[in-house]
């Protein structure tokens, strides 16, 4: 849908509310680059990152990222490459 995102990201599994995990690295956006939008880790950064996000809203191209990295064709080729190289 080409909708840029403003994401509150995490750094560890132990940030999940109500759970007590080990300090296992984690993220809520495993597929991402600067074309997708903006993210922050701490509520204190929300205001700054939100203003940055709004100021750049017309520049993001998340659909472009998806087509280049996660389309059916790209995923199929990645699977073929893995199979052929193993």
PDB file of N, CA and C in Angstrom:
ATOM      1  N   UNK A   1       0.814  -1.195   0.000  1.00  0.00           N
ATOM      2  CA  UNK A   1       0.000   0.000   0.000  1.00  0.00           C
ATOM      3  C   UNK A   1       0.861   1.263   0.000  1.00  0.00           C
ATOM      4  N   UNK A   2       2.177   1.089   0.123  1.00  0.00           N
ATOM      5  CA  UNK A   2       3.120   2.205   0.095  1.00  0.00           C
ATOM      6  C   UNK A   2       2.892   3.192   1.239  1.00  0.00           C
ATOM      7  N   UNK A   3       2.582   2.670   2.421  1.00  0.00           N
ATOM      8  CA  UNK A   3       2.341   3.502   3.597  1.00  0.00           C
ATOM      9  C   UNK A   3       3.575   3.468   4.500  1.00  0.00           C
ATOM     10  N   UNK A   4       4.249   4.602   4.678  1.00  0.00           N
ATOM     11  CA  UNK A   4       5.402   4.628   5.577  1.00  0.00           C
ATOM     12  C   UNK A   4       4.969   4.412   7.027  1.00  0.00           C
ATOM     13  N   UNK A   5       5.894   3.887   7.823  1.00  0.00           N
ATOM     14  CA  UNK A   5       5.578   3.534   9.197  1.00  0.00           C
ATOM     15  C   UNK A   5       6.431   4.305  10.196  1.00  0.00           C
ATOM     16  N   UNK A   6       5.837   4.607  11.335  1.00  0.00           N
ATOM     17  CA  UNK A   6       6.539   5.117  12.507  1.00  0.00           C
ATOM     18  C   UNK A   6       6.440   4.008  13.544  1.00  0.00           C
ATOM     19  N   UNK A   7       7.570   3.400  13.906  1.00  0.00           N
ATOM     20  CA  UNK A   7       7.569   2.170  14.689  1.00  0.00           C
ATOM     21  C   UNK A   7       8.296   2.351  16.016  1.00  0.00           C
ATOM     22  N   UNK A   8       7.663   1.868  17.083  1.00  0.00           N
ATOM     23  CA  UNK A   8       8.314   1.778  18.388  1.00  0.00           C
ATOM     24  C   UNK A   8       8.982   0.418  18.421  1.00  0.00           C
ATOM     25  N   UNK A   9      10.273   0.377  18.221  1.00  0.00           N
ATOM     26  CA  UNK A   9      11.036  -0.854  18.103  1.00  0.00           C
ATOM     27  C   UNK A   9      11.520  -1.334  19.472  1.00  0.00           C
ATOM     28  N   UNK A  10      12.031  -2.540  19.520  1.00  0.00           N
ATOM     29  CA  UNK A  10      12.610  -3.118  20.734  1.00  0.00           C
ATOM     30  C   UNK A  10      14.028  -3.574  20.427  1.00  0.00           C
ATOM     31  N   UNK A  11      14.809  -3.804  21.469  1.00  0.00           N
ATOM     32  CA  UNK A  11      16.156  -4.339  21.320  1.00  0.00           C
ATOM     33  C   UNK A  11      16.283  -5.734  21.905  1.00  0.00           C
ATOM     34  N   UNK A  12      15.319  -6.132  22.753  1.00  0.00           N
ATOM     35  CA  UNK A  12      15.431  -7.405  23.455  1.00  0.00           C
ATOM     36  C   UNK A  12      14.059  -8.032  23.681  1.00  0.00           C
ATOM     37  N   UNK A  13      14.036  -9.364  23.713  1.00  0.00           N
ATOM     38  CA  UNK A  13      12.794 -10.086  24.006  1.00  0.00           C
ATOM     39  C   UNK A  13      12.253  -9.732  25.391  1.00  0.00           C
ATOM     40  N   UNK A  14      13.132  -9.348  26.315  1.00  0.00           N
ATOM     41  CA  UNK A  14      12.660  -9.061  27.669  1.00  0.00           C
ATOM     42  C   UNK A  14      11.900  -7.738  27.772  1.00  0.00           C
ATOM     43  N   UNK A  15      11.717  -7.044  26.660  1.00  0.00           N
ATOM     44  CA  UNK A  15      10.903  -5.824  26.653  1.00  0.00           C
ATOM     45  C   UNK A  15       9.412  -6.117  26.485  1.00  0.00           C
ATOM     46  N   UNK A  16       9.063  -7.369  26.208  1.00  0.00           N
ATOM     47  CA  UNK A  16       7.652  -7.713  26.047  1.00  0.00           C
ATOM     48  C   UNK A  16       6.946  -7.608  27.396  1.00  0.00           C
ATOM     49  N   UNK A  17       5.891  -6.849  27.442  1.00  0.00           N
ATOM     50  CA  UNK A  17       5.163  -6.594  28.678  1.00  0.00           C
ATOM     51  C   UNK A  17       4.570  -7.892  29.245  1.00  0.00           C
ATOM     52  N   UNK A  18       4.807  -8.125  30.515  1.00  0.00           N
ATOM     53  CA  UNK A  18       4.215  -9.274  31.191  1.00  0.00           C
ATOM     54  C   UNK A  18       5.014 -10.562  31.086  1.00  0.00           C
ATOM     55  N   UNK A  19       6.151 -10.521  30.417  1.00  0.00           N
ATOM     56  CA  UNK A  19       6.976 -11.721  30.268  1.00  0.00           C
ATOM     57  C   UNK A  19       8.377 -11.454  30.782  1.00  0.00           C
ATOM     58  N   UNK A  20       9.075 -12.513  31.159  1.00  0.00           N
ATOM     59  CA  UNK A  20      10.427 -12.386  31.673  1.00  0.00           C
ATOM     60  C   UNK A  20      11.349 -13.305  30.876  1.00  0.00           C
ATOM     61  N   UNK A  21      11.769 -12.833  29.722  1.00  0.00           N
ATOM     62  CA  UNK A  21      12.682 -13.582  28.872  1.00  0.00           C
ATOM     63  C   UNK A  21      14.125 -13.268  29.252  1.00  0.00           C
ATOM     64  N   UNK A  22      15.029 -14.097  28.769  1.00  0.00           N
ATOM     65  CA  UNK A  22      16.435 -13.745  28.852  1.00  0.00           C
ATOM     66  C   UNK A  22      16.663 -12.539  27.946  1.00  0.00           C
ATOM     67  N   UNK A  23      17.854 -11.976  28.022  1.00  0.00           N
ATOM     68  CA  UNK A  23      18.178 -10.809  27.203  1.00  0.00           C
ATOM     69  C   UNK A  23      18.531 -11.262  25.780  1.00  0.00           C
ATOM     70  N   UNK A  24      17.521 -11.699  25.044  1.00  0.00           N
ATOM     71  CA  UNK A  24      17.690 -12.200  23.677  1.00  0.00           C
ATOM     72  C   UNK A  24      17.448 -11.040  22.712  1.00  0.00           C
ATOM     73  N   UNK A  25      18.400 -10.753  21.813  1.00  0.00           N
ATOM     74  CA  UNK A  25      18.191  -9.656  20.857  1.00  0.00           C
ATOM     75  C   UNK A  25      16.901  -9.856  20.055  1.00  0.00           C
ATOM     76  N   UNK A  26      16.207  -8.745  19.785  1.00  0.00           N
ATOM     77  CA  UNK A  26      14.929  -8.809  19.071  1.00  0.00           C
ATOM     78  C   UNK A  26      14.679  -7.499  18.341  1.00  0.00           C
ATOM     79  N   UNK A  27      13.721  -7.552  17.426  1.00  0.00           N
ATOM     80  CA  UNK A  27      13.242  -6.361  16.737  1.00  0.00           C
ATOM     81  C   UNK A  27      11.802  -6.624  16.302  1.00  0.00           C
ATOM     82  N   UNK A  28      11.038  -5.584  16.107  1.00  0.00           N
ATOM     83  CA  UNK A  28       9.687  -5.732  15.563  1.00  0.00           C
ATOM     84  C   UNK A  28       9.669  -5.450  14.068  1.00  0.00           C
ATOM     85  N   UNK A  29      10.826  -5.056  13.524  1.00  0.00           N
ATOM     86  CA  UNK A  29      10.920  -4.743  12.090  1.00  0.00           C
ATOM     87  C   UNK A  29      12.132  -5.457  11.470  1.00  0.00           C
ATOM     88  N   UNK A  30      12.035  -6.754  11.247  1.00  0.00           N
ATOM     89  CA  UNK A  30      13.178  -7.488  10.692  1.00  0.00           C
ATOM     90  C   UNK A  30      13.464  -7.152   9.227  1.00  0.00           C
ATOM     91  N   UNK A  31      12.495  -6.653   8.516  1.00  0.00           N
ATOM     92  CA  UNK A  31      12.673  -6.282   7.112  1.00  0.00           C
ATOM     93  C   UNK A  31      12.454  -4.780   6.998  1.00  0.00           C
ATOM     94  N   UNK A  32      13.549  -4.035   6.787  1.00  0.00           N
ATOM     95  CA  UNK A  32      13.443  -2.583   6.934  1.00  0.00           C
ATOM     96  C   UNK A  32      14.647  -1.890   6.331  1.00  0.00           C
ATOM     97  N   UNK A  33      14.431  -0.752   5.749  1.00  0.00           N
ATOM     98  CA  UNK A  33      15.501   0.209   5.489  1.00  0.00           C
ATOM     99  C   UNK A  33      14.905   1.610   5.536  1.00  0.00           C
ATOM    100  N   UNK A  34      15.736   2.612   5.265  1.00  0.00           N
ATOM    101  CA  UNK A  34      15.311   4.002   5.454  1.00  0.00           C
ATOM    102  C   UNK A  34      14.149   4.414   4.560  1.00  0.00           C
ATOM    103  N   UNK A  35      13.836   3.641   3.543  1.00  0.00           N
ATOM    104  CA  UNK A  35      12.683   3.951   2.683  1.00  0.00           C
ATOM    105  C   UNK A  35      11.363   3.629   3.362  1.00  0.00           C
ATOM    106  N   UNK A  36      11.396   2.827   4.411  1.00  0.00           N
ATOM    107  CA  UNK A  36      10.163   2.334   5.043  1.00  0.00           C
ATOM    108  C   UNK A  36       9.542   3.324   6.031  1.00  0.00           C
ATOM    109  N   UNK A  37      10.340   4.210   6.601  1.00  0.00           N
ATOM    110  CA  UNK A  37       9.828   5.150   7.587  1.00  0.00           C
ATOM    111  C   UNK A  37      10.867   5.406   8.661  1.00  0.00           C
ATOM    112  N   UNK A  38      10.401   5.604   9.876  1.00  0.00           N
ATOM    113  CA  UNK A  38      11.284   5.885  11.014  1.00  0.00           C
ATOM    114  C   UNK A  38      10.916   4.974  12.183  1.00  0.00           C
ATOM    115  N   UNK A  39      11.889   4.787  13.073  1.00  0.00           N
ATOM    116  CA  UNK A  39      11.620   4.022  14.290  1.00  0.00           C
ATOM    117  C   UNK A  39      12.377   4.634  15.462  1.00  0.00           C
ATOM    118  N   UNK A  40      11.938   4.276  16.655  1.00  0.00           N
ATOM    119  CA  UNK A  40      12.575   4.740  17.881  1.00  0.00           C
ATOM    120  C   UNK A  40      12.506   3.614  18.904  1.00  0.00           C
ATOM    121  N   UNK A  41      13.354   3.673  19.922  1.00  0.00           N
ATOM    122  CA  UNK A  41      13.400   2.641  20.958  1.00  0.00           C
ATOM    123  C   UNK A  41      12.826   3.102  22.294  1.00  0.00           C
ATOM    124  N   UNK A  42      12.837   4.389  22.535  1.00  0.00           N
ATOM    125  CA  UNK A  42      12.454   4.914  23.845  1.00  0.00           C
ATOM    126  C   UNK A  42      11.399   6.005  23.669  1.00  0.00           C
ATOM    127  N   UNK A  43      10.405   6.007  24.528  1.00  0.00           N
ATOM    128  CA  UNK A  43       9.313   6.991  24.442  1.00  0.00           C
ATOM    129  C   UNK A  43       9.842   8.422  24.461  1.00  0.00           C
ATOM    130  N   UNK A  44      10.983   8.632  25.081  1.00  0.00           N
ATOM    131  CA  UNK A  44      11.559   9.977  25.128  1.00  0.00           C
ATOM    132  C   UNK A  44      11.941  10.483  23.740  1.00  0.00           C
ATOM    133  N   UNK A  45      12.164   9.582  22.802  1.00  0.00           N
ATOM    134  CA  UNK A  45      12.540   9.960  21.437  1.00  0.00           C
ATOM    135  C   UNK A  45      11.340  10.154  20.524  1.00  0.00           C
ATOM    136  N   UNK A  46      10.149   9.813  20.990  1.00  0.00           N
ATOM    137  CA  UNK A  46       8.967   9.859  20.137  1.00  0.00           C
ATOM    138  C   UNK A  46       8.747  11.227  19.502  1.00  0.00           C
ATOM    139  N   UNK A  47       8.797  12.272  20.272  1.00  0.00           N
ATOM    140  CA  UNK A  47       8.522  13.610  19.742  1.00  0.00           C
ATOM    141  C   UNK A  47       9.497  13.981  18.622  1.00  0.00           C
ATOM    142  N   UNK A  48      10.768  13.749  18.838  1.00  0.00           N
ATOM    143  CA  UNK A  48      11.786  14.086  17.849  1.00  0.00           C
ATOM    144  C   UNK A  48      11.615  13.246  16.590  1.00  0.00           C
ATOM    145  N   UNK A  49      11.441  11.941  16.771  1.00  0.00           N
ATOM    146  CA  UNK A  49      11.319  11.038  15.622  1.00  0.00           C
ATOM    147  C   UNK A  49      10.001  11.283  14.885  1.00  0.00           C
ATOM    148  N   UNK A  50       8.949  11.580  15.611  1.00  0.00           N
ATOM    149  CA  UNK A  50       7.673  11.883  14.960  1.00  0.00           C
ATOM    150  C   UNK A  50       7.809  13.115  14.058  1.00  0.00           C
ATOM    151  N   UNK A  51       8.437  14.151  14.562  1.00  0.00           N
ATOM    152  CA  UNK A  51       8.620  15.368  13.763  1.00  0.00           C
ATOM    153  C   UNK A  51       9.491  15.094  12.533  1.00  0.00           C
ATOM    154  N   UNK A  52      10.526  14.286  12.692  1.00  0.00           N
ATOM    155  CA  UNK A  52      11.352  13.887  11.565  1.00  0.00           C
ATOM    156  C   UNK A  52      10.528  13.104  10.542  1.00  0.00           C
ATOM    157  N   UNK A  53       9.738  12.172  11.032  1.00  0.00           N
ATOM    158  CA  UNK A  53       8.868  11.347  10.183  1.00  0.00           C
ATOM    159  C   UNK A  53       7.925  12.225   9.363  1.00  0.00           C
ATOM    160  N   UNK A  54       7.263  13.155  10.017  1.00  0.00           N
ATOM    161  CA  UNK A  54       6.320  14.048   9.328  1.00  0.00           C
ATOM    162  C   UNK A  54       7.049  14.922   8.306  1.00  0.00           C
ATOM    163  N   UNK A  55       8.229  15.394   8.656  1.00  0.00           N
ATOM    164  CA  UNK A  55       8.968  16.258   7.727  1.00  0.00           C
ATOM    165  C   UNK A  55       9.432  15.507   6.477  1.00  0.00           C
ATOM    166  N   UNK A  56       9.564  14.187   6.584  1.00  0.00           N
ATOM    167  CA  UNK A  56      10.029  13.365   5.453  1.00  0.00           C
ATOM    168  C   UNK A  56       8.912  12.521   4.829  1.00  0.00           C
ATOM    169  N   UNK A  57       7.694  12.724   5.231  1.00  0.00           N
ATOM    170  CA  UNK A  57       6.593  11.829   4.858  1.00  0.00           C
ATOM    171  C   UNK A  57       6.494  11.604   3.350  1.00  0.00           C
ATOM    172  N   UNK A  58       6.790  12.588   2.550  1.00  0.00           N
ATOM    173  CA  UNK A  58       6.682  12.449   1.096  1.00  0.00           C
ATOM    174  C   UNK A  58       7.881  11.734   0.469  1.00  0.00           C
ATOM    175  N   UNK A  59       8.925  11.490   1.234  1.00  0.00           N
ATOM    176  CA  UNK A  59      10.148  10.895   0.667  1.00  0.00           C
ATOM    177  C   UNK A  59      10.227   9.383   0.831  1.00  0.00           C
ATOM    178  N   UNK A  60       9.434   8.817   1.714  1.00  0.00           N
ATOM    179  CA  UNK A  60       9.506   7.374   1.959  1.00  0.00           C
ATOM    180  C   UNK A  60       8.928   6.597   0.779  1.00  0.00           C
ATOM    181  N   UNK A  61       9.493   5.434   0.531  1.00  0.00           N
ATOM    182  CA  UNK A  61       9.058   4.569  -0.567  1.00  0.00           C
ATOM    183  C   UNK A  61       9.022   3.113  -0.094  1.00  0.00           C
ATOM    184  N   UNK A  62       8.161   2.778   0.868  1.00  0.00           N
ATOM    185  CA  UNK A  62       8.160   1.404   1.397  1.00  0.00           C
ATOM    186  C   UNK A  62       7.813   0.343   0.360  1.00  0.00           C
ATOM    187  N   UNK A  63       6.953   0.651  -0.580  1.00  0.00           N
ATOM    188  CA  UNK A  63       6.610  -0.333  -1.612  1.00  0.00           C
ATOM    189  C   UNK A  63       7.835  -0.682  -2.460  1.00  0.00           C
ATOM    190  N   UNK A  64       8.659   0.298  -2.737  1.00  0.00           N
ATOM    191  CA  UNK A  64       9.888   0.064  -3.489  1.00  0.00           C
ATOM    192  C   UNK A  64      10.768  -0.952  -2.750  1.00  0.00           C
ATOM    193  N   UNK A  65      10.903  -0.779  -1.439  1.00  0.00           N
ATOM    194  CA  UNK A  65      11.681  -1.724  -0.627  1.00  0.00           C
ATOM    195  C   UNK A  65      11.091  -3.131  -0.708  1.00  0.00           C
ATOM    196  N   UNK A  66       9.782  -3.238  -0.577  1.00  0.00           N
ATOM    197  CA  UNK A  66       9.117  -4.547  -0.623  1.00  0.00           C
ATOM    198  C   UNK A  66       9.351  -5.218  -1.968  1.00  0.00           C
ATOM    199  N   UNK A  67       9.158  -4.500  -3.048  1.00  0.00           N
ATOM    200  CA  UNK A  67       9.340  -5.083  -4.372  1.00  0.00           C
ATOM    201  C   UNK A  67      10.783  -5.524  -4.614  1.00  0.00           C
ATOM    202  N   UNK A  68      11.743  -4.771  -4.101  1.00  0.00           N
ATOM    203  CA  UNK A  68      13.151  -5.112  -4.290  1.00  0.00           C
ATOM    204  C   UNK A  68      13.616  -6.272  -3.422  1.00  0.00           C
ATOM    205  N   UNK A  69      12.951  -6.487  -2.283  1.00  0.00           N
ATOM    206  CA  UNK A  69      13.459  -7.463  -1.318  1.00  0.00           C
ATOM    207  C   UNK A  69      12.504  -8.591  -0.950  1.00  0.00           C
ATOM    208  N   UNK A  70      11.212  -8.364  -1.020  1.00  0.00           N
ATOM    209  CA  UNK A  70      10.268  -9.330  -0.460  1.00  0.00           C
ATOM    210  C   UNK A  70       9.166  -9.761  -1.411  1.00  0.00           C
ATOM    211  N   UNK A  71       9.278  -9.438  -2.676  1.00  0.00           N
ATOM    212  CA  UNK A  71       8.261  -9.879  -3.628  1.00  0.00           C
ATOM    213  C   UNK A  71       8.350 -11.393  -3.791  1.00  0.00           C
ATOM    214  N   UNK A  72       7.320 -11.993  -4.337  1.00  0.00           N
ATOM    215  CA  UNK A  72       7.304 -13.431  -4.565  1.00  0.00           C
ATOM    216  C   UNK A  72       8.512 -13.853  -5.408  1.00  0.00           C
ATOM    217  N   UNK A  73       8.814 -13.081  -6.429  1.00  0.00           N
ATOM    218  CA  UNK A  73       9.931 -13.400  -7.309  1.00  0.00           C
ATOM    219  C   UNK A  73      11.265 -13.343  -6.568  1.00  0.00           C
ATOM    220  N   UNK A  74      11.452 -12.313  -5.758  1.00  0.00           N
ATOM    221  CA  UNK A  74      12.701 -12.178  -5.004  1.00  0.00           C
ATOM    222  C   UNK A  74      12.852 -13.308  -3.988  1.00  0.00           C
ATOM    223  N   UNK A  75      11.782 -13.630  -3.280  1.00  0.00           N
ATOM    224  CA  UNK A  75      11.838 -14.710  -2.288  1.00  0.00           C
ATOM    225  C   UNK A  75      12.070 -16.057  -2.969  1.00  0.00           C
ATOM    226  N   UNK A  76      11.431 -16.265  -4.104  1.00  0.00           N
ATOM    227  CA  UNK A  76      11.639 -17.497  -4.862  1.00  0.00           C
ATOM    228  C   UNK A  76      13.100 -17.624  -5.274  1.00  0.00           C
ATOM    229  N   UNK A  77      13.676 -16.548  -5.789  1.00  0.00           N
ATOM    230  CA  UNK A  77      15.068 -16.594  -6.214  1.00  0.00           C
ATOM    231  C   UNK A  77      16.005 -16.841  -5.039  1.00  0.00           C
ATOM    232  N   UNK A  78      15.712 -16.243  -3.887  1.00  0.00           N
ATOM    233  CA  UNK A  78      16.541 -16.469  -2.696  1.00  0.00           C
ATOM    234  C   UNK A  78      16.501 -17.938  -2.293  1.00  0.00           C
ATOM    235  N   UNK A  79      15.334 -18.562  -2.344  1.00  0.00           N
ATOM    236  CA  UNK A  79      15.200 -19.978  -2.013  1.00  0.00           C
ATOM    237  C   UNK A  79      15.964 -20.838  -3.013  1.00  0.00           C
ATOM    238  N   UNK A  80      15.830 -20.542  -4.284  1.00  0.00           N
ATOM    239  CA  UNK A  80      16.567 -21.282  -5.325  1.00  0.00           C
ATOM    240  C   UNK A  80      18.069 -21.153  -5.096  1.00  0.00           C
ATOM    241  N   UNK A  81      18.534 -19.956  -4.802  1.00  0.00           N
ATOM    242  CA  UNK A  81      19.964 -19.736  -4.537  1.00  0.00           C
ATOM    243  C   UNK A  81      20.444 -20.555  -3.347  1.00  0.00           C
ATOM    244  N   UNK A  82      19.654 -20.607  -2.293  1.00  0.00           N
ATOM    245  CA  UNK A  82      20.017 -21.388  -1.101  1.00  0.00           C
ATOM    246  C   UNK A  82      20.113 -22.874  -1.464  1.00  0.00           C
ATOM    247  N   UNK A  83      19.139 -23.368  -2.168  1.00  0.00           N
ATOM    248  CA  UNK A  83      19.115 -24.790  -2.552  1.00  0.00           C
ATOM    249  C   UNK A  83      20.300 -25.114  -3.457  1.00  0.00           C
ATOM    250  N   UNK A  84      20.551 -24.286  -4.435  1.00  0.00           N
ATOM    251  CA  UNK A  84      21.641 -24.541  -5.382  1.00  0.00           C
ATOM    252  C   UNK A  84      23.014 -24.440  -4.742  1.00  0.00           C
ATOM    253  N   UNK A  85      23.157 -23.623  -3.716  1.00  0.00           N
ATOM    254  CA  UNK A  85      24.464 -23.418  -3.082  1.00  0.00           C
ATOM    255  C   UNK A  85      24.718 -24.340  -1.902  1.00  0.00           C
ATOM    256  N   UNK A  86      23.790 -25.234  -1.619  1.00  0.00           N
ATOM    257  CA  UNK A  86      23.998 -26.148  -0.484  1.00  0.00           C
ATOM    258  C   UNK A  86      24.062 -27.532  -0.946  1.00  0.00           C
TER     259      UNK A  86
END
